[in-house]
C-alpha atoms as a PDB file:
ATOM      1  CA  MET A   1     178.437   6.713  91.250  1.00  0.00           C
ATOM      2  CA  LYS A   2     179.575   4.133  88.718  1.00  0.00           C
ATOM      3  CA  ARG A   3     176.646   2.379  87.083  1.00  0.00           C
ATOM      4  CA  LYS A   4     176.641  -1.424  86.889  1.00  0.00           C
ATOM      5  CA  LYS A   5     174.710  -3.884  84.775  1.00  0.00           C
ATOM      6  CA  GLY A   6     171.532  -5.340  86.183  1.00  0.00           C
ATOM      7  CA  LEU A   7     170.129  -2.078  87.575  1.00  0.00           C
ATOM      8  CA  ASP A   8     166.914  -0.381  86.457  1.00  0.00           C
ATOM      9  CA  MET A   9     166.698   1.627  83.253  1.00  0.00           C
ATOM     10  CA  ILE A  10     169.144   4.492  82.859  1.00  0.00           C
ATOM     11  CA  PRO A  11     167.466   7.688  84.168  1.00  0.00           C
ATOM     12  CA  PHE A  12     167.465   9.649  80.914  1.00  0.00           C
ATOM     13  CA  ARG A  13     165.989  13.120  81.372  1.00  0.00           C
ATOM     14  CA  THR A  14     165.287  16.373  79.564  1.00  0.00           C
ATOM     15  CA  LEU A  15     168.341  18.312  78.462  1.00  0.00           C
ATOM     16  CA  GLU A  16     168.699  21.490  80.549  1.00  0.00           C
ATOM     17  CA  LEU A  17     170.932  24.527  80.230  1.00  0.00           C
ATOM     18  CA  THR A  18     172.489  23.590  83.579  1.00  0.00           C
ATOM     19  CA  ASP A  19     173.847  20.412  81.941  1.00  0.00           C
ATOM     20  CA  ARG A  20     176.119  22.443  79.704  1.00  0.00           C
ATOM     21  CA  GLU A  21     179.257  22.299  81.855  1.00  0.00           C
ATOM     22  CA  TRP A  22     179.482  18.533  82.369  1.00  0.00           C
ATOM     23  CA  ILE A  23     178.364  17.722  78.833  1.00  0.00           C
ATOM     24  CA  GLU A  24     180.913  20.042  77.256  1.00  0.00           C
ATOM     25  CA  GLU A  25     183.606  18.468  79.421  1.00  0.00           C
ATOM     26  CA  CYS A  26     182.691  15.058  77.974  1.00  0.00           C
ATOM     27  CA  LEU A  27     182.580  16.447  74.438  1.00  0.00           C
ATOM     28  CA  LYS A  28     185.958  18.109  74.886  1.00  0.00           C
ATOM     29  CA  LYS A  29     187.536  14.795  75.883  1.00  0.00           C
ATOM     30  CA  SER A  30     186.313  13.168  72.671  1.00  0.00           C
ATOM     31  CA  ASP A  31     187.133  16.217  70.465  1.00  0.00           C
ATOM     32  CA  LEU A  32     184.918  15.036  67.583  1.00  0.00           C
ATOM     33  CA  MET A  33     184.050  17.015  64.437  1.00  0.00           C
ATOM     34  CA  GLY A  34     180.403  16.001  63.929  1.00  0.00           C
ATOM     35  CA  ALA A  35     177.497  18.361  64.568  1.00  0.00           C
ATOM     36  CA  GLU A  36     175.984  15.949  67.103  1.00  0.00           C
ATOM     37  CA  TYR A  37     178.934  16.618  69.395  1.00  0.00           C
ATOM     38  CA  SER A  38     177.851  20.151  70.253  1.00  0.00           C
ATOM     39  CA  PHE A  39     175.845  20.924  73.377  1.00  0.00           C
ATOM     40  CA  SER A  40     174.213  23.906  71.683  1.00  0.00           C
ATOM     41  CA  ASN A  41     173.145  21.809  68.705  1.00  0.00           C
ATOM     42  CA  ASN A  42     171.600  19.211  71.014  1.00  0.00           C
ATOM     43  CA  PHE A  43     169.934  21.885  73.160  1.00  0.00           C
ATOM     44  CA  LEU A  44     168.476  23.796  70.194  1.00  0.00           C
ATOM     45  CA  TRP A  45     166.864  20.670  68.707  1.00  0.00           C
ATOM     46  CA  ALA A  46     166.055  18.761  71.914  1.00  0.00           C
ATOM     47  CA  LYS A  47     162.291  19.383  71.901  1.00  0.00           C
ATOM     48  CA  GLN A  48     161.867  18.640  68.209  1.00  0.00           C
ATOM     49  CA  TYR A  49     163.638  15.283  68.484  1.00  0.00           C
ATOM     50  CA  ASN A  50     162.679  14.406  72.057  1.00  0.00           C
ATOM     51  CA  LEU A  51     166.376  14.281  72.946  1.00  0.00           C
ATOM     52  CA  LEU A  52     167.106  13.079  76.487  1.00  0.00           C
ATOM     53  CA  CYS A  53     170.461  12.904  78.256  1.00  0.00           C
ATOM     54  CA  ALA A  54     172.237  10.913  80.965  1.00  0.00           C
ATOM     55  CA  ASN A  55     175.695  10.741  82.498  1.00  0.00           C
ATOM     56  CA  VAL A  56     176.656   7.079  82.271  1.00  0.00           C
ATOM     57  CA  ASN A  57     179.954   6.359  84.019  1.00  0.00           C
ATOM     58  CA  GLY A  58     181.486   9.629  82.877  1.00  0.00           C
ATOM     59  CA  PHE A  59     180.092   9.512  79.336  1.00  0.00           C
ATOM     60  CA  TYR A  60     177.508  11.864  77.838  1.00  0.00           C
ATOM     61  CA  CYS A  61     174.775   9.607  76.443  1.00  0.00           C
ATOM     62  CA  THR A  62     171.595  10.526  74.610  1.00  0.00           C
ATOM     63  CA  LEU A  63     168.294   8.858  73.803  1.00  0.00           C
ATOM     64  CA  GLY A  64     166.240  10.478  71.069  1.00  0.00           C
ATOM     65  CA  GLY A  65     163.170   9.953  68.941  1.00  0.00           C
ATOM     66  CA  PHE A  66     159.672   8.716  69.668  1.00  0.00           C
ATOM     67  CA  GLY A  67     158.043   5.415  70.559  1.00  0.00           C
ATOM     68  CA  ILE A  68     159.749   2.242  69.388  1.00  0.00           C
ATOM     69  CA  MET A  69     161.886   4.263  66.951  1.00  0.00           C
ATOM     70  CA  ARG A  70     164.042   5.767  69.703  1.00  0.00           C
ATOM     71  CA  THR A  71     167.796   5.451  69.253  1.00  0.00           C
ATOM     72  CA  TYR A  72     170.962   6.142  71.247  1.00  0.00           C
ATOM     73  CA  GLY A  73     173.716   8.603  70.381  1.00  0.00           C
ATOM     74  CA  TYR A  74     177.371   7.614  70.263  1.00  0.00           C
ATOM     75  CA  PRO A  75     178.724   8.145  73.826  1.00  0.00           C
ATOM     76  CA  THR A  76     181.314  10.870  74.369  1.00  0.00           C
ATOM     77  CA  GLY A  77     183.692  11.105  77.286  1.00  0.00           C
ATOM     78  CA  GLU A  78     186.554   9.198  78.813  1.00  0.00           C
ATOM     79  CA  GLY A  79     186.624   5.715  80.302  1.00  0.00           C
ATOM     80  CA  ASN A  80     185.338   2.249  79.484  1.00  0.00           C
ATOM     81  CA  LEU A  81     183.380   2.644  76.237  1.00  0.00           C
ATOM     82  CA  LYS A  82     182.529  -1.066  76.012  1.00  0.00           C
ATOM     83  CA  GLU A  83     180.938  -1.026  79.446  1.00  0.00           C
ATOM     84  CA  VAL A  84     178.874   2.061  78.613  1.00  0.00           C
ATOM     85  CA  VAL A  85     177.601   0.659  75.300  1.00  0.00           C
ATOM     86  CA  GLU A  86     176.658  -2.582  77.068  1.00  0.00           C
ATOM     87  CA  LEU A  87     174.673  -0.546  79.602  1.00  0.00           C
ATOM     88  CA  LEU A  88     172.874   1.227  76.762  1.00  0.00           C
ATOM     89  CA  MET A  89     172.098  -2.134  75.161  1.00  0.00           C
ATOM     90  CA  GLU A  90     170.630  -3.349  78.431  1.00  0.00           C
ATOM     91  CA  ASP A  91     168.623  -0.131  78.742  1.00  0.00           C
ATOM     92  CA  ALA A  92     167.171  -0.665  75.263  1.00  0.00           C
ATOM     93  CA  LYS A  93     166.135  -4.187  76.207  1.00  0.00           C
ATOM     94  CA  GLU A  94     164.386  -2.897  79.330  1.00  0.00           C
ATOM     95  CA  ARG A  95     162.527  -0.312  77.230  1.00  0.00           C
ATOM     96  CA  GLY A  96     161.503  -2.833  74.575  1.00  0.00           C
ATOM     97  CA  LEU A  97     163.632  -1.141  71.914  1.00  0.00           C
ATOM     98  CA  LYS A  98     165.792  -2.678  69.230  1.00  0.00           C
ATOM     99  CA  PHE A  99     169.203  -1.258  70.095  1.00  0.00           C
ATOM    100  CA  GLU A 100     170.573   1.225  67.581  1.00  0.00           C
ATOM    101  CA  LEU A 101     173.563   3.515  68.069  1.00  0.00           C
ATOM    102  CA  ARG A 102     173.669   6.578  65.792  1.00  0.00           C
ATOM    103  CA  GLY A 103     176.063   9.360  64.870  1.00  0.00           C
ATOM    104  CA  ILE A 104     179.128   7.122  64.882  1.00  0.00           C
ATOM    105  CA  PRO A 105     182.154   8.803  63.272  1.00  0.00           C
ATOM    106  CA  GLU A 106     183.905   6.722  60.629  1.00  0.00           C
ATOM    107  CA  ASP A 107     187.163   6.762  62.599  1.00  0.00           C
ATOM    108  CA  LYS A 108     185.419   5.093  65.561  1.00  0.00           C
ATOM    109  CA  LEU A 109     184.172   2.078  63.596  1.00  0.00           C
ATOM    110  CA  THR A 110     187.366   0.057  64.034  1.00  0.00           C
ATOM    111  CA  GLU A 111     187.231   0.474  67.805  1.00  0.00           C
ATOM    112  CA  LEU A 112     183.569  -0.536  68.006  1.00  0.00           C
ATOM    113  CA  LYS A 113     184.110  -3.542  65.755  1.00  0.00           C
ATOM    114  CA  SER A 114     186.966  -4.736  67.963  1.00  0.00           C
ATOM    115  CA  LEU A 115     184.942  -4.216  71.149  1.00  0.00           C
ATOM    116  CA  PHE A 116     181.826  -5.917  69.741  1.00  0.00           C
ATOM    117  CA  PRO A 117     182.934  -8.399  67.061  1.00  0.00           C
ATOM    118  CA  GLU A 118     180.101  -9.552  64.774  1.00  0.00           C
ATOM    119  CA  GLN A 119     177.429  -7.989  67.004  1.00  0.00           C
ATOM    120  CA  PHE A 120     176.359  -5.064  64.820  1.00  0.00           C
ATOM    121  CA  ASP A 121     175.611  -4.167  61.240  1.00  0.00           C
ATOM    122  CA  TYR A 122     177.192  -0.786  60.433  1.00  0.00           C
ATOM    123  CA  ILE A 123     175.261   1.377  57.984  1.00  0.00           C
ATOM    124  CA  SER A 124     176.284   4.743  56.543  1.00  0.00           C
ATOM    125  CA  VAL A 125     173.549   7.388  56.959  1.00  0.00           C
ATOM    126  CA  ARG A 126     174.090   9.827  54.081  1.00  0.00           C
ATOM    127  CA  ASP A 127     171.386  12.274  55.222  1.00  0.00           C
ATOM    128  CA  GLU A 128     173.320  12.851  58.462  1.00  0.00           C
ATOM    129  CA  ALA A 129     176.728  13.467  56.849  1.00  0.00           C
ATOM    130  CA  ASP A 130     178.192  16.888  57.690  1.00  0.00           C
ATOM    131  CA  TYR A 131     179.684  19.246  55.122  1.00  0.00           C
ATOM    132  CA  VAL A 132     183.073  20.489  56.313  1.00  0.00           C
ATOM    133  CA  TYR A 133     185.146  23.130  54.534  1.00  0.00           C
ATOM    134  CA  LEU A 134     188.572  24.632  54.963  1.00  0.00           C
ATOM    135  CA  THR A 135     188.115  28.088  56.464  1.00  0.00           C
ATOM    136  CA  GLU A 136     190.444  29.481  53.806  1.00  0.00           C
ATOM    137  CA  ARG A 137     188.230  28.109  51.012  1.00  0.00           C
ATOM    138  CA  LEU A 138     185.088  29.789  52.379  1.00  0.00           C
ATOM    139  CA  SER A 139     187.015  32.999  53.045  1.00  0.00           C
ATOM    140  CA  THR A 140     188.539  33.466  49.585  1.00  0.00           C
ATOM    141  CA  LEU A 141     186.157  31.483  47.349  1.00  0.00           C
ATOM    142  CA  ALA A 142     189.158  31.126  45.061  1.00  0.00           C
ATOM    143  CA  GLY A 143     189.211  29.036  41.882  1.00  0.00           C
ATOM    144  CA  LYS A 144     187.024  28.405  38.848  1.00  0.00           C
ATOM    145  CA  LYS A 145     184.595  26.144  40.711  1.00  0.00           C
ATOM    146  CA  LEU A 146     183.514  28.983  43.010  1.00  0.00           C
ATOM    147  CA  HIS A 147     183.432  31.678  40.326  1.00  0.00           C
ATOM    148  CA  GLY A 148     179.623  31.756  40.484  1.00  0.00           C
ATOM    149  CA  LYS A 149     179.662  32.454  44.224  1.00  0.00           C
ATOM    150  CA  ARG A 150     182.010  35.392  43.695  1.00  0.00           C
ATOM    151  CA  ASN A 151     179.705  36.769  41.000  1.00  0.00           C
ATOM    152  CA  HIS A 152     176.654  36.596  43.284  1.00  0.00           C
ATOM    153  CA  ILE A 153     178.591  38.369  46.037  1.00  0.00           C
ATOM    154  CA  ALA A 154     179.669  41.070  43.589  1.00  0.00           C
ATOM    155  CA  ARG A 155     176.027  41.710  42.688  1.00  0.00           C
ATOM    156  CA  PHE A 156     175.146  41.983  46.392  1.00  0.00           C
ATOM    157  CA  LYS A 157     177.961  44.490  46.875  1.00  0.00           C
ATOM    158  CA  ASP A 158     176.602  46.606  44.023  1.00  0.00           C
ATOM    159  CA  ASN A 159     174.382  48.132  46.700  1.00  0.00           C
ATOM    160  CA  PRO A 160     176.821  50.401  48.591  1.00  0.00           C
ATOM    161  CA  SER A 161     174.602  50.488  51.678  1.00  0.00           C
ATOM    162  CA  TRP A 162     175.523  46.939  52.714  1.00  0.00           C
ATOM    163  CA  VAL A 163     177.165  46.421  56.089  1.00  0.00           C
ATOM    164  CA  TYR A 164     178.197  43.423  58.207  1.00  0.00           C
ATOM    165  CA  GLU A 165     177.750  43.572  61.995  1.00  0.00           C
ATOM    166  CA  PRO A 166     178.588  41.090  64.757  1.00  0.00           C
ATOM    167  CA  MET A 167     175.380  39.982  66.499  1.00  0.00           C
ATOM    168  CA  THR A 168     174.936  41.627  69.909  1.00  0.00           C
ATOM    169  CA  MET A 169     172.159  42.263  72.409  1.00  0.00           C
ATOM    170  CA  GLU A 170     171.760  45.663  70.737  1.00  0.00           C
ATOM    171  CA  ASN A 171     170.894  44.293  67.282  1.00  0.00           C
ATOM    172  CA  ILE A 172     169.553  40.798  68.002  1.00  0.00           C
ATOM    173  CA  GLU A 173     165.968  42.112  68.039  1.00  0.00           C
ATOM    174  CA  ASP A 174     166.394  43.162  64.408  1.00  0.00           C
ATOM    175  CA  CYS A 175     167.414  39.577  63.608  1.00  0.00           C
ATOM    176  CA  LYS A 176     164.350  38.226  65.411  1.00  0.00           C
ATOM    177  CA  ASN A 177     162.137  40.486  63.310  1.00  0.00           C
ATOM    178  CA  MET A 178     163.883  39.382  60.124  1.00  0.00           C
ATOM    179  CA  SER A 179     163.391  35.726  61.111  1.00  0.00           C
ATOM    180  CA  LYS A 180     159.646  36.313  61.584  1.00  0.00           C
ATOM    181  CA  LYS A 181     159.402  37.994  58.177  1.00  0.00           C
ATOM    182  CA  TRP A 182     161.411  35.161  56.618  1.00  0.00           C
ATOM    183  CA  CYS A 183     158.942  32.584  57.955  1.00  0.00           C
ATOM    184  CA  GLU A 184     155.974  34.560  56.650  1.00  0.00           C
ATOM    185  CA  LEU A 185     157.601  35.071  53.258  1.00  0.00           C
ATOM    186  CA  TYR A 186     158.608  31.421  52.784  1.00  0.00           C
ATOM    187  CA  HIS A 187     155.524  29.847  54.427  1.00  0.00           C
ATOM    188  CA  CYS A 188     157.218  28.078  57.336  1.00  0.00           C
ATOM    189  CA  ARG A 189     153.939  26.715  58.683  1.00  0.00           C
ATOM    190  CA  GLU A 190     153.463  24.577  55.572  1.00  0.00           C
ATOM    191  CA  ASP A 191     156.734  22.667  56.056  1.00  0.00           C
ATOM    192  CA  ILE A 192     157.319  20.654  59.239  1.00  0.00           C
ATOM    193  CA  ASN A 193     161.099  20.916  58.822  1.00  0.00           C
ATOM    194  CA  LEU A 194     160.845  24.713  58.700  1.00  0.00           C
ATOM    195  CA  VAL A 195     158.562  24.662  61.748  1.00  0.00           C
ATOM    196  CA  HIS A 196     161.190  22.680  63.655  1.00  0.00           C
ATOM    197  CA  GLU A 197     163.944  24.960  62.421  1.00  0.00           C
ATOM    198  CA  SER A 198     161.967  28.029  63.481  1.00  0.00           C
ATOM    199  CA  CYS A 199     161.741  26.623  67.018  1.00  0.00           C
ATOM    200  CA  ALA A 200     165.516  26.071  67.065  1.00  0.00           C
ATOM    201  CA  VAL A 201     166.134  29.634  65.861  1.00  0.00           C
ATOM    202  CA  LYS A 202     163.882  31.083  68.580  1.00  0.00           C
ATOM    203  CA  THR A 203     165.718  29.039  71.217  1.00  0.00           C
ATOM    204  CA  ALA A 204     169.069  30.265  69.883  1.00  0.00           C
ATOM    205  CA  PHE A 205     167.944  33.877  70.156  1.00  0.00           C
ATOM    206  CA  HIS A 206     166.561  33.382  73.663  1.00  0.00           C
ATOM    207  CA  TYR A 207     169.698  31.691  75.015  1.00  0.00           C
ATOM    208  CA  PHE A 208     172.242  33.468  72.808  1.00  0.00           C
ATOM    209  CA  ASN A 209     174.463  34.585  75.702  1.00  0.00           C
ATOM    210  CA  GLU A 210     173.962  31.507  77.872  1.00  0.00           C
ATOM    211  CA  LEU A 211     175.011  29.212  75.020  1.00  0.00           C
ATOM    212  CA  LYS A 212     177.929  31.535  74.210  1.00  0.00           C
ATOM    213  CA  LEU A 213     176.927  31.633  70.578  1.00  0.00           C
ATOM    214  CA  VAL A 214     178.628  33.861  68.037  1.00  0.00           C
ATOM    215  CA  GLY A 215     176.516  35.647  65.452  1.00  0.00           C
ATOM    216  CA  GLY A 216     176.692  38.024  62.534  1.00  0.00           C
ATOM    217  CA  LEU A 217     174.251  39.858  60.293  1.00  0.00           C
ATOM    218  CA  LEU A 218     174.020  41.736  57.007  1.00  0.00           C
ATOM    219  CA  ARG A 219     172.063  44.920  56.403  1.00  0.00           C
ATOM    220  CA  LEU A 220     170.960  46.565  53.181  1.00  0.00           C
ATOM    221  CA  ASP A 221     169.657  50.123  53.516  1.00  0.00           C
ATOM    222  CA  GLY A 222     169.591  49.569  57.278  1.00  0.00           C
ATOM    223  CA  GLU A 223     167.396  46.449  57.153  1.00  0.00           C
ATOM    224  CA  VAL A 224     168.649  43.016  58.252  1.00  0.00           C
ATOM    225  CA  VAL A 225     168.579  40.715  55.222  1.00  0.00           C
ATOM    226  CA  ALA A 226     170.676  37.812  56.560  1.00  0.00           C
ATOM    227  CA  PHE A 227     172.125  36.447  59.769  1.00  0.00           C
ATOM    228  CA  SER A 228     174.166  33.492  60.980  1.00  0.00           C
ATOM    229  CA  MET A 229     174.979  31.876  64.333  1.00  0.00           C
ATOM    230  CA  GLY A 230     177.529  29.300  65.438  1.00  0.00           C
ATOM    231  CA  GLU A 231     180.299  28.456  67.883  1.00  0.00           C
ATOM    232  CA  ALA A 232     183.562  26.595  68.339  1.00  0.00           C
ATOM    233  CA  LEU A 233     182.904  22.866  67.937  1.00  0.00           C
ATOM    234  CA  ASN A 234     186.284  21.409  68.846  1.00  0.00           C
ATOM    235  CA  SER A 235     189.957  22.348  68.862  1.00  0.00           C
ATOM    236  CA  ASN A 236     190.139  23.083  65.121  1.00  0.00           C
ATOM    237  CA  THR A 237     186.551  23.412  63.877  1.00  0.00           C
ATOM    238  CA  PHE A 238     183.870  26.121  64.010  1.00  0.00           C
ATOM    239  CA  ILE A 239     180.283  25.026  63.455  1.00  0.00           C
ATOM    240  CA  VAL A 240     177.519  27.078  61.837  1.00  0.00           C
ATOM    241  CA  HIS A 241     174.212  26.169  63.479  1.00  0.00           C
ATOM    242  CA  ILE A 242     171.867  28.653  61.826  1.00  0.00           C
ATOM    243  CA  GLU A 243     171.916  30.717  58.643  1.00  0.00           C
ATOM    244  CA  LYS A 244     169.032  32.774  57.270  1.00  0.00           C
ATOM    245  CA  ALA A 245     168.870  35.084  54.267  1.00  0.00           C
ATOM    246  CA  TYR A 246     166.282  36.401  51.842  1.00  0.00           C
ATOM    247  CA  SER A 247     166.791  34.221  48.778  1.00  0.00           C
ATOM    248  CA  HIS A 248     165.121  36.800  46.517  1.00  0.00           C
ATOM    249  CA  ILE A 249     168.043  39.164  47.210  1.00  0.00           C
ATOM    250  CA  GLN A 250     170.821  38.079  44.866  1.00  0.00           C
ATOM    251  CA  GLY A 251     173.962  37.111  46.727  1.00  0.00           C
ATOM    252  CA  ALA A 252     172.506  37.343  50.242  1.00  0.00           C
ATOM    253  CA  TYR A 253     173.246  33.711  51.109  1.00  0.00           C
ATOM    254  CA  PRO A 254     176.813  33.495  49.748  1.00  0.00           C
ATOM    255  CA  MET A 255     177.546  36.931  51.216  1.00  0.00           C
ATOM    256  CA  ILE A 256     176.520  36.065  54.803  1.00  0.00           C
ATOM    257  CA  ASN A 257     178.360  32.752  54.447  1.00  0.00           C
ATOM    258  CA  GLN A 258     181.601  34.468  53.440  1.00  0.00           C
ATOM    259  CA  GLN A 259     181.351  37.480  55.755  1.00  0.00           C
ATOM    260  CA  PHE A 260     180.544  35.349  58.798  1.00  0.00           C
ATOM    261  CA  VAL A 261     183.561  33.148  58.117  1.00  0.00           C
ATOM    262  CA  LEU A 262     185.815  36.157  57.496  1.00  0.00           C
ATOM    263  CA  HIS A 263     184.818  37.850  60.744  1.00  0.00           C
ATOM    264  CA  GLU A 264     184.135  34.990  63.158  1.00  0.00           C
ATOM    265  CA  CYS A 265     185.900  31.786  62.043  1.00  0.00           C
ATOM    266  CA  GLN A 266     189.497  32.728  61.297  1.00  0.00           C
ATOM    267  CA  ASP A 267     190.905  31.043  64.421  1.00  0.00           C
ATOM    268  CA  TYR A 268     189.789  27.619  63.148  1.00  0.00           C
ATOM    269  CA  GLU A 269     191.067  25.418  60.342  1.00  0.00           C
ATOM    270  CA  TYR A 270     187.650  24.063  59.385  1.00  0.00           C
ATOM    271  CA  VAL A 271     184.031  25.193  59.261  1.00  0.00           C
ATOM    272  CA  ASN A 272     181.315  22.556  59.719  1.00  0.00           C
ATOM    273  CA  ARG A 273     178.073  23.615  58.025  1.00  0.00           C
ATOM    274  CA  GLU A 274     176.142  20.590  59.345  1.00  0.00           C
ATOM    275  CA  ASP A 275     174.095  18.061  57.358  1.00  0.00           C
ATOM    276  CA  ASP A 276     171.401  18.398  54.700  1.00  0.00           C
ATOM    277  CA  MET A 277     168.735  16.307  56.502  1.00  0.00           C
ATOM    278  CA  GLY A 278     168.062  14.557  53.193  1.00  0.00           C
ATOM    279  CA  ASP A 279     166.721  17.755  51.623  1.00  0.00           C
ATOM    280  CA  GLU A 280     167.767  17.792  47.949  1.00  0.00           C
ATOM    281  CA  GLY A 281     167.849  21.587  47.785  1.00  0.00           C
ATOM    282  CA  LEU A 282     170.105  21.824  50.826  1.00  0.00           C
ATOM    283  CA  ARG A 283     172.313  19.032  49.511  1.00  0.00           C
ATOM    284  CA  LYS A 284     172.787  20.807  46.194  1.00  0.00           C
ATOM    285  CA  ALA A 285     173.581  24.101  47.957  1.00  0.00           C
ATOM    286  CA  LYS A 286     176.139  22.539  50.303  1.00  0.00           C
ATOM    287  CA  LEU A 287     177.796  20.541  47.524  1.00  0.00           C
ATOM    288  CA  SER A 288     178.052  23.696  45.404  1.00  0.00           C
ATOM    289  CA  TYR A 289     180.760  24.924  47.788  1.00  0.00           C
ATOM    290  CA  TYR A 290     182.789  21.750  47.145  1.00  0.00           C
ATOM    291  CA  PRO A 291     183.307  20.496  50.720  1.00  0.00           C
ATOM    292  CA  ASP A 292     186.793  19.414  51.707  1.00  0.00           C
ATOM    293  CA  ILE A 293     185.273  16.701  53.905  1.00  0.00           C
ATOM    294  CA  ILE A 294     181.901  14.987  53.734  1.00  0.00           C
ATOM    295  CA  LEU A 295     181.878  13.694  57.282  1.00  0.00           C
ATOM    296  CA  GLU A 296     180.077  10.374  57.165  1.00  0.00           C
ATOM    297  CA  LYS A 297     178.121   9.092  60.158  1.00  0.00           C
ATOM    298  CA  TYR A 298     177.152   5.501  60.758  1.00  0.00           C
ATOM    299  CA  LYS A 299     174.533   3.686  62.739  1.00  0.00           C
ATOM    300  CA  ALA A 300     175.198   0.385  64.482  1.00  0.00           C
ATOM    301  CA  VAL A 301     172.182  -1.925  64.453  1.00  0.00           C
ATOM    302  CA  LEU A 302     172.167  -4.990  66.680  1.00  0.00           C
ATOM    303  CA  LYS A 303     172.161  -8.180  64.618  1.00  0.00           C
END
């Protein structure tokens, strides 16, 4: 039923696996490149960010965060965008929130500005910008700039026992065990971001088939030392949701990055390796691969 202005608050609710079909239909219609526009991404992080969902006149809408800091995600779908944003604005008013729309792609700013002239301040959120690379670049690591990556991979390959395997139900338990060891080794419990990430990883393992994720792993001497998981994001982009490796093993991170792309991402022009969450170490690592696109996201704040 089409929602009209003047009704009660929008019935936002917990994101469930059964929502996947209708949400992915909305996402497909918008065909956006940002990490926010992935059902799996939203599902994996829903508890950590208190992410709620609603179907508003054929658009997938989200409300996330806690208390008065809750914000709305950019609606995806097909239909009257202006009407849907107005309904979200009314919902915010009913909830006592200052309306804020997040995750807005740069190429959608012109449309929003024309629909809502002089109503919003638009602010770039650097910490939420995604790092997007040409699949060919990550596959070949060609050129002087990536010489260091090739050297690290060569050192990893010095051990002839290395092997890459697609992730399956037969070897996923080995990845779970590696993830547990990784958290113990790098003291996950002392870092809230790593605690949240650990929850997302566990959810990904548990719903690996249901979410139709694609995974890959590396072994040295039979032991899993790295793994990665992702999926198709849109018509030309693959997204990497999770990547784990033992950093004390030289070349483990660049090796799983390259091998996963070589084996699982060749049908796509781009690979989105998501944002850096404002973490300086992550930012440096992602920039070291010289992204072809730094996909900026904006927030619209009501004036």
